[in-house]
Amino acid sequence: MPFNDMDERSSTYLNNSSSHRGEKTEHIDRAKMLSPEEDIVLRRFRHYCQENGYCKRLEDGQPTIDDTTLLRFLRAHNLDLDKAIDRFRVVQDWRASHAIDNSYLHMDVQCYEDYRKMFSQWTGRCDRQGLPLYVFPVNQFTPERMEAYISTYDHTPVTTVSQTQDLPCHILAFHALYENMLKFVMPLCSELHDSHARAPVSASTHIIDITGVGFGHFWKIKKYLQGAISIATTHYPETLGHIFIVGAPPSFVKVWGIVKKWFDPASISKILILPHSETEMTLSTYIDPQNLPKQYGGLLSWEWGEPPKLEESMKDIASGIYVRDQTGDEQFLKGPVTFSDGSVHPWGTVNGELRRQPKKC
């Protein structure tokens, strides 16, 4: 089942839950970060969520909804609260009915890893704004790889959460990649840059490398890319900081005429198609050369397919992300993980057994 087949299935959604009165909640320092208009509409949005049962705790003890999430929906609709609520309600009700939050925590580690290896991957570094930097060489994504993944996992439970069983494995896994970004990568980057960041990190920067990718390749993977973009823009609004498209062949003009129709206008405004002669200069403007992979003109020894290469200060914060394998070598922790309360938490299942016990809420 291609990604775009899920659009109609995910058009209903959210968690009916009670708020935790008396508990300390994480709110943005509004005085420093929000305009008066944003402050007012955010308060009203938060009140709506509390009154309608959208505030609850997940198995990892974290809230399902925070101010950063609400602001993403508001800004996606130019602070129009009614429109933001309409979209939020549809997305959250769908997430609740399919237990998307907890399905990430319970996803099979190997299933997650096999899917992660096909898509955009975090370098372990950030751009100059503190946004996590991802790289996606499109020529590595083929319909054959996706079909092999579906064949392997579509009839195998990929998570121990029963509500997700009606979702195709590749759709659930794509949500898991975004959940990893929201629950691990962005909180970790926020912790690293807390001393000078104006707000928690809520967006990401991507280098999309289309070197050697012709019109025929795009056409073969069209249904998967279009569906992935639809899920991202619908369920995870305003998580895109910048997209840099590099290595574009002459035929990309024709491809772009098709692909840009899959994005909303706000996302299109964040996409830059870089000629080869301007790639290194432009990328270094947005990304410090120390954090930019060598193949794009930087100094970072990292290639797609390798685990994230954290800078030393981030290693100190996320020390639990490295584990010893059976030979004693240090490896980046695989599978679903979260970062909260200053620590890395391994989740996911191995042979059906959860790696971490849920908190009692």
Protein backbone atom coordinates (compact mmCIF):
# COMPACT_ATOMS: atom_id res chain seq x y z
CA MET A 1 0.00 0.00 0.00
CA PRO A 2 1.63 3.32 -1.04
CA PHE A 3 1.89 6.27 1.35
CA ASN A 4 -0.72 8.33 -0.42
CA ASP A 5 -3.31 5.61 0.20
CA MET A 6 -3.25 6.56 3.87
CA ASP A 7 -4.43 10.15 3.38
CA GLU A 8 -8.13 9.27 3.51
CA ARG A 9 -7.56 6.77 6.33
CA SER A 10 -5.86 9.39 8.49
CA SER A 11 -8.51 12.07 8.08
CA THR A 12 -10.00 11.51 11.55
CA TYR A 13 -8.22 11.97 15.06
CA LEU A 14 -7.00 12.70 19.05
CA ASN A 15 -6.47 11.51 22.62
CA ASN A 16 -9.45 11.82 24.97
CA SER A 17 -7.69 12.38 28.23
CA SER A 18 -7.75 14.40 31.39
CA SER A 19 -5.11 16.97 32.26
CA HIS A 20 -2.86 16.39 35.24
CA ARG A 21 -3.98 19.10 37.63
CA GLY A 22 -1.37 20.11 40.09
CA GLU A 23 1.52 18.73 38.03
CA LYS A 24 4.27 20.99 36.77
CA THR A 25 3.96 21.46 33.02
CA GLU A 26 6.54 22.58 30.50
CA HIS A 27 5.53 25.96 29.11
CA ILE A 28 7.53 28.22 26.84
CA ASP A 29 8.92 31.40 28.41
CA ARG A 30 6.39 33.53 26.59
CA ALA A 31 7.89 36.87 27.60
CA LYS A 32 11.10 36.09 25.73
CA MET A 33 9.82 34.27 22.68
CA LEU A 34 6.29 35.20 21.71
CA SER A 35 4.60 38.26 20.36
CA PRO A 36 1.57 39.53 22.31
CA GLU A 37 -0.73 38.07 19.64
CA GLU A 38 0.99 34.67 19.81
CA ASP A 39 0.80 34.70 23.60
CA ILE A 40 -2.95 35.32 23.62
CA VAL A 41 -3.82 32.74 20.97
CA LEU A 42 -1.51 30.15 22.54
CA ARG A 43 -3.28 30.54 25.88
CA ARG A 44 -6.63 30.02 24.18
CA PHE A 45 -5.32 26.97 22.31
CA ARG A 46 -3.91 25.46 25.48
CA HIS A 47 -7.23 26.03 27.27
CA TYR A 48 -9.04 24.27 24.40
CA CYS A 49 -6.76 21.23 24.75
CA GLN A 50 -7.26 21.07 28.50
CA GLU A 51 -11.03 21.37 28.24
CA ASN A 52 -11.30 18.75 25.50
CA GLY A 53 -9.10 16.04 27.01
CA TYR A 54 -6.03 16.41 24.82
CA CYS A 55 -3.57 16.70 27.71
CA LYS A 56 -2.28 13.41 29.08
CA ARG A 57 0.93 11.57 29.86
CA LEU A 58 2.55 8.93 27.69
CA GLU A 59 4.25 5.75 28.86
CA ASP A 60 7.57 7.59 28.97
CA GLY A 61 6.08 10.13 31.36
CA GLN A 62 6.12 12.96 28.82
CA PRO A 63 3.05 15.03 27.88
CA THR A 64 1.29 14.31 24.59
CA ILE A 65 0.93 18.04 23.93
CA ASP A 66 3.27 20.93 24.72
CA ASP A 67 3.44 24.60 23.76
CA THR A 68 5.93 23.92 20.98
CA THR A 69 3.50 21.55 19.29
CA LEU A 70 0.61 23.98 19.61
CA LEU A 71 2.69 26.82 18.18
CA ARG A 72 3.61 24.69 15.15
CA PHE A 73 -0.08 24.21 14.34
CA LEU A 74 -0.84 27.87 14.96
CA ARG A 75 1.98 29.14 12.77
CA ALA A 76 1.02 26.72 10.01
CA HIS A 77 -2.30 28.62 9.88
CA ASN A 78 -0.99 32.16 10.46
CA LEU A 79 -2.30 32.15 14.05
CA ASP A 80 -5.88 31.48 12.92
CA LEU A 81 -7.02 29.54 16.00
CA ASP A 82 -10.13 28.02 14.43
CA LYS A 83 -8.19 26.61 11.48
CA ALA A 84 -5.38 25.41 13.74
CA ILE A 85 -7.87 23.62 16.02
CA ASP A 86 -9.62 21.98 13.06
CA ARG A 87 -6.35 20.54 11.78
CA PHE A 88 -5.05 19.71 15.24
CA ARG A 89 -8.23 17.81 16.15
CA VAL A 90 -8.15 15.69 12.98
CA VAL A 91 -4.46 14.84 13.37
CA GLN A 92 -4.55 14.18 17.11
CA ASP A 93 -7.69 12.05 16.98
CA TRP A 94 -6.13 9.93 14.23
CA ARG A 95 -2.88 9.61 16.22
CA ALA A 96 -4.83 8.54 19.31
CA SER A 97 -6.92 5.97 17.48
CA HIS A 98 -3.71 4.40 16.13
CA ALA A 99 -1.61 4.99 19.28
CA ILE A 100 1.17 6.62 17.25
CA ASP A 101 3.01 7.93 20.32
CA ASN A 102 3.18 4.59 22.09
CA SER A 103 3.70 2.58 18.91
CA TYR A 104 7.04 4.36 18.52
CA LEU A 105 8.02 3.40 22.06
CA HIS A 106 7.05 -0.23 21.35
CA MET A 107 8.38 -0.59 17.79
CA ASP A 108 10.61 -3.52 16.93
CA VAL A 109 14.21 -2.28 16.89
CA GLN A 110 15.21 -4.09 13.69
CA CYS A 111 12.07 -2.99 11.87
CA TYR A 112 12.84 0.61 12.80
CA GLU A 113 16.49 0.35 11.76
CA ASP A 114 15.74 -1.27 8.40
CA TYR A 115 13.37 1.56 7.55
CA ARG A 116 15.65 4.32 8.85
CA LYS A 117 18.36 3.14 6.46
CA MET A 118 16.23 4.11 3.45
CA PHE A 119 15.44 7.74 4.29
CA SER A 120 16.89 11.03 5.44
CA GLN A 121 19.41 10.50 8.25
CA TRP A 122 20.62 12.79 11.01
CA THR A 123 24.30 13.69 10.78
CA GLY A 124 24.53 14.22 14.53
CA ARG A 125 25.15 17.93 13.90
CA CYS A 126 23.15 21.17 13.67
CA ASP A 127 23.10 24.18 11.38
CA ARG A 128 23.97 27.68 12.53
CA GLN A 129 20.46 28.16 13.95
CA GLY A 130 20.76 25.03 16.06
CA LEU A 131 18.43 22.99 13.84
CA PRO A 132 19.41 19.31 13.36
CA LEU A 133 20.98 18.61 9.97
CA TYR A 134 19.73 15.64 7.92
CA VAL A 135 21.01 14.25 4.61
CA PHE A 136 19.03 12.24 2.05
CA PRO A 137 20.70 10.91 -1.15
CA VAL A 138 17.65 10.14 -3.27
CA ASN A 139 19.46 7.56 -5.40
CA GLN A 140 19.61 5.30 -2.32
CA PHE A 141 15.82 5.12 -2.17
CA THR A 142 14.40 2.62 -4.68
CA PRO A 143 11.01 0.96 -5.10
CA GLU A 144 12.76 -2.41 -4.85
CA ARG A 145 14.09 -1.60 -1.36
CA MET A 146 10.70 -0.36 -0.20
CA GLU A 147 8.88 -3.36 -1.60
CA ALA A 148 11.38 -5.71 0.04
CA TYR A 149 10.76 -3.94 3.36
CA ILE A 150 6.99 -4.24 2.98
CA SER A 151 7.32 -7.90 2.03
CA THR A 152 9.39 -8.56 5.15
CA TYR A 153 7.32 -6.70 7.73
CA ASP A 154 3.78 -6.23 6.48
CA HIS A 155 2.59 -9.54 7.94
CA THR A 156 4.75 -9.37 11.05
CA PRO A 157 3.84 -7.38 14.19
CA VAL A 158 6.24 -4.43 14.15
CA THR A 159 4.99 -3.06 17.46
CA THR A 160 3.29 -4.55 20.51
CA VAL A 161 0.60 -1.82 20.47
CA SER A 162 -2.59 -3.44 19.17
CA GLN A 163 -4.23 -0.24 17.83
CA THR A 164 -1.64 0.06 15.08
CA GLN A 165 -2.19 -3.35 13.52
CA ASP A 166 -4.38 -2.00 10.72
CA LEU A 167 -1.65 0.39 9.55
CA PRO A 168 0.76 -0.79 6.83
CA CYS A 169 4.25 -1.25 8.25
CA HIS A 170 5.89 1.40 6.06
CA ILE A 171 3.39 4.08 7.11
CA LEU A 172 3.88 3.28 10.80
CA ALA A 173 7.65 3.29 10.31
CA PHE A 174 7.58 6.67 8.57
CA HIS A 175 5.72 8.14 11.54
CA ALA A 176 8.37 6.56 13.78
CA LEU A 177 11.12 8.53 12.00
CA TYR A 178 9.31 11.76 12.79
CA GLU A 179 8.64 10.66 16.35
CA ASN A 180 12.39 10.06 16.74
CA MET A 181 13.08 13.57 15.51
CA LEU A 182 10.51 15.09 17.88
CA LYS A 183 11.23 12.92 20.93
CA PHE A 184 15.00 12.49 20.66
CA VAL A 185 16.83 14.67 18.15
CA MET A 186 15.10 18.01 18.74
CA PRO A 187 15.07 17.79 22.57
CA LEU A 188 18.76 16.89 22.49
CA CYS A 189 19.57 19.81 20.19
CA SER A 190 17.48 22.11 22.40
CA GLU A 191 19.50 21.01 25.44
CA LEU A 192 22.79 21.65 23.63
CA HIS A 193 21.85 25.12 22.43
CA ASP A 194 19.79 26.14 25.45
CA SER A 195 22.23 28.87 26.43
CA HIS A 196 21.51 30.97 23.33
CA ALA A 197 18.40 29.51 21.69
CA ARG A 198 15.29 31.68 21.77
CA ALA A 199 12.96 28.71 21.81
CA PRO A 200 13.04 24.90 21.89
CA VAL A 201 14.22 23.45 18.58
CA SER A 202 11.12 22.53 16.57
CA ALA A 203 12.37 22.38 12.97
CA SER A 204 15.10 20.65 10.97
CA THR A 205 17.37 21.33 8.00
CA HIS A 206 17.79 18.84 5.15
CA ILE A 207 20.26 18.37 2.31
CA ILE A 208 18.49 16.45 -0.45
CA ASP A 209 21.11 15.06 -2.82
CA ILE A 210 19.72 14.16 -6.25
CA THR A 211 23.08 13.51 -7.92
CA GLY A 212 22.64 10.97 -10.71
CA VAL A 213 18.87 10.83 -10.29
CA GLY A 214 16.94 11.18 -13.53
CA PHE A 215 13.29 11.66 -14.33
CA GLY A 216 12.74 7.89 -14.58
CA HIS A 217 13.94 7.28 -11.01
CA PHE A 218 11.67 10.01 -9.65
CA TRP A 219 8.74 8.55 -11.52
CA LYS A 220 9.36 5.08 -10.04
CA ILE A 221 9.41 6.37 -6.46
CA LYS A 222 6.72 9.03 -7.00
CA LYS A 223 3.96 7.31 -5.01
CA TYR A 224 6.21 6.83 -1.98
CA LEU A 225 7.71 10.33 -1.97
CA GLN A 226 4.36 11.99 -2.54
CA GLY A 227 2.82 10.03 0.31
CA ALA A 228 5.74 10.78 2.63
CA ILE A 229 5.45 14.51 1.92
CA SER A 230 1.70 14.34 2.54
CA ILE A 231 2.19 12.70 5.95
CA ALA A 232 4.91 15.16 6.92
CA THR A 233 2.99 18.30 5.99
CA THR A 234 -0.31 17.08 7.46
CA HIS A 235 0.83 15.48 10.71
CA TYR A 236 4.05 17.38 11.45
CA PRO A 237 3.49 21.01 10.37
CA GLU A 238 6.24 23.59 10.65
CA THR A 239 9.01 21.06 11.32
CA LEU A 240 10.89 22.16 8.21
CA GLY A 241 13.56 24.83 8.58
CA HIS A 242 15.34 24.60 5.23
CA ILE A 243 15.68 22.11 2.40
CA PHE A 244 18.73 22.38 0.16
CA ILE A 245 18.48 20.41 -3.07
CA VAL A 246 21.94 19.68 -4.47
CA GLY A 247 23.28 17.77 -7.47
CA ALA A 248 20.30 18.65 -9.67
CA PRO A 249 20.66 17.41 -13.29
CA PRO A 250 19.21 19.47 -16.18
CA SER A 251 16.15 17.20 -16.24
CA PHE A 252 15.22 18.27 -12.72
CA VAL A 253 13.42 21.30 -14.09
CA LYS A 254 10.76 18.92 -15.42
CA VAL A 255 10.73 16.90 -12.20
CA TRP A 256 10.42 19.99 -10.01
CA GLY A 257 7.37 21.09 -11.94
CA ILE A 258 5.67 17.94 -10.62
CA VAL A 259 7.25 17.64 -7.17
CA LYS A 260 6.57 21.21 -6.02
CA LYS A 261 2.83 20.57 -6.32
CA TRP A 262 3.13 18.10 -3.43
CA PHE A 263 4.26 20.85 -1.02
CA ASP A 264 2.25 23.63 0.54
CA PRO A 265 3.35 27.22 -0.32
CA ALA A 266 4.99 27.73 3.07
CA SER A 267 7.22 24.68 2.55
CA ILE A 268 8.13 25.67 -1.00
CA SER A 269 9.43 29.00 0.31
CA LYS A 270 11.95 27.07 2.45
CA ILE A 271 13.38 25.02 -0.44
CA LEU A 272 16.53 26.15 -2.25
CA ILE A 273 17.74 24.39 -5.41
CA LEU A 274 21.50 24.98 -5.50
CA PRO A 275 23.59 25.01 -8.68
CA HIS A 276 26.87 23.13 -8.31
CA SER A 277 28.85 26.39 -8.42
CA GLU A 278 26.92 27.79 -5.43
CA THR A 279 26.46 24.67 -3.31
CA GLU A 280 29.49 24.96 -1.01
CA MET A 281 29.16 28.73 -0.49
CA THR A 282 25.44 28.61 0.24
CA LEU A 283 25.59 25.61 2.55
CA SER A 284 28.47 27.11 4.54
CA THR A 285 26.37 30.24 5.03
CA TYR A 286 23.72 28.19 6.83
CA ILE A 287 25.93 25.42 8.25
CA ASP A 288 29.31 25.75 9.96
CA PRO A 289 31.92 23.84 7.90
CA GLN A 290 32.77 21.79 11.00
CA ASN A 291 29.21 20.41 10.90
CA LEU A 292 28.88 20.07 7.12
CA PRO A 293 29.82 16.70 5.55
CA LYS A 294 32.93 16.76 3.36
CA GLN A 295 31.05 15.70 0.23
CA TYR A 296 29.19 19.03 0.40
CA GLY A 297 32.24 21.18 0.98
CA GLY A 298 32.54 20.94 4.75
CA LEU A 299 34.99 19.35 7.17
CA LEU A 300 32.81 16.68 8.79
CA SER A 301 33.85 13.07 8.12
CA TRP A 302 30.40 11.57 7.93
CA GLU A 303 28.51 9.81 5.15
CA TRP A 304 24.90 8.73 4.77
CA GLY A 305 24.48 5.25 6.20
CA GLU A 306 26.75 5.93 9.16
CA PRO A 307 25.43 6.58 12.69
CA PRO A 308 25.14 10.22 13.80
CA LYS A 309 28.51 11.76 14.62
CA LEU A 310 27.89 13.85 17.70
CA GLU A 311 30.13 16.75 18.61
CA GLU A 312 31.89 16.38 21.94
CA SER A 313 29.58 18.72 23.87
CA MET A 314 26.56 16.74 22.68
CA LYS A 315 28.24 13.45 23.62
CA ASP A 316 28.55 14.73 27.19
CA ILE A 317 24.82 15.51 27.29
CA ALA A 318 23.74 12.26 25.61
CA SER A 319 26.29 9.88 27.08
CA GLY A 320 23.71 7.09 27.23
CA ILE A 321 23.39 7.00 23.46
CA TYR A 322 26.56 4.91 23.17
CA VAL A 323 26.54 1.24 24.21
CA ARG A 324 29.06 -1.60 24.09
CA ASP A 325 28.41 -4.47 21.71
CA GLN A 326 29.38 -8.11 22.34
CA THR A 327 32.95 -7.42 21.23
CA GLY A 328 33.28 -4.45 23.55
CA ASP A 329 33.20 -1.85 20.78
CA GLU A 330 31.23 1.33 21.36
CA GLN A 331 28.17 1.78 19.12
CA PHE A 332 25.42 4.32 18.68
CA LEU A 333 22.24 2.99 20.31
CA LYS A 334 19.89 1.53 17.69
CA GLY A 335 16.11 1.68 17.50
CA PRO A 336 13.60 4.04 19.10
CA VAL A 337 15.07 6.35 21.74
CA THR A 338 13.90 9.48 23.55
CA PHE A 339 15.69 12.31 25.33
CA SER A 340 14.05 13.85 28.39
CA ASP A 341 15.04 15.11 31.81
CA GLY A 342 18.63 15.37 30.61
CA SER A 343 18.97 11.68 29.78
CA VAL A 344 18.76 9.25 26.85
CA HIS A 345 16.11 6.53 27.19
CA PRO A 346 16.17 3.38 25.01
CA TRP A 347 12.77 2.14 23.88
CA GLY A 348 11.56 -0.32 21.29
CA THR A 349 11.28 -4.09 21.52
CA VAL A 350 13.70 -6.95 20.90
CA ASN A 351 12.06 -10.34 20.35
CA GLY A 352 8.81 -8.81 21.60
CA GLU A 353 10.33 -7.62 24.89
CA LEU A 354 10.31 -3.91 25.71
CA ARG A 355 13.79 -2.51 26.42
CA ARG A 356 12.47 -0.06 29.01
CA GLN A 357 9.54 -0.27 31.41
CA PRO A 358 6.79 2.38 31.06
CA LYS A 359 6.32 4.92 33.81
CA LYS A 360 3.18 4.67 35.90
CA CYS A 361 1.17 7.81 35.21
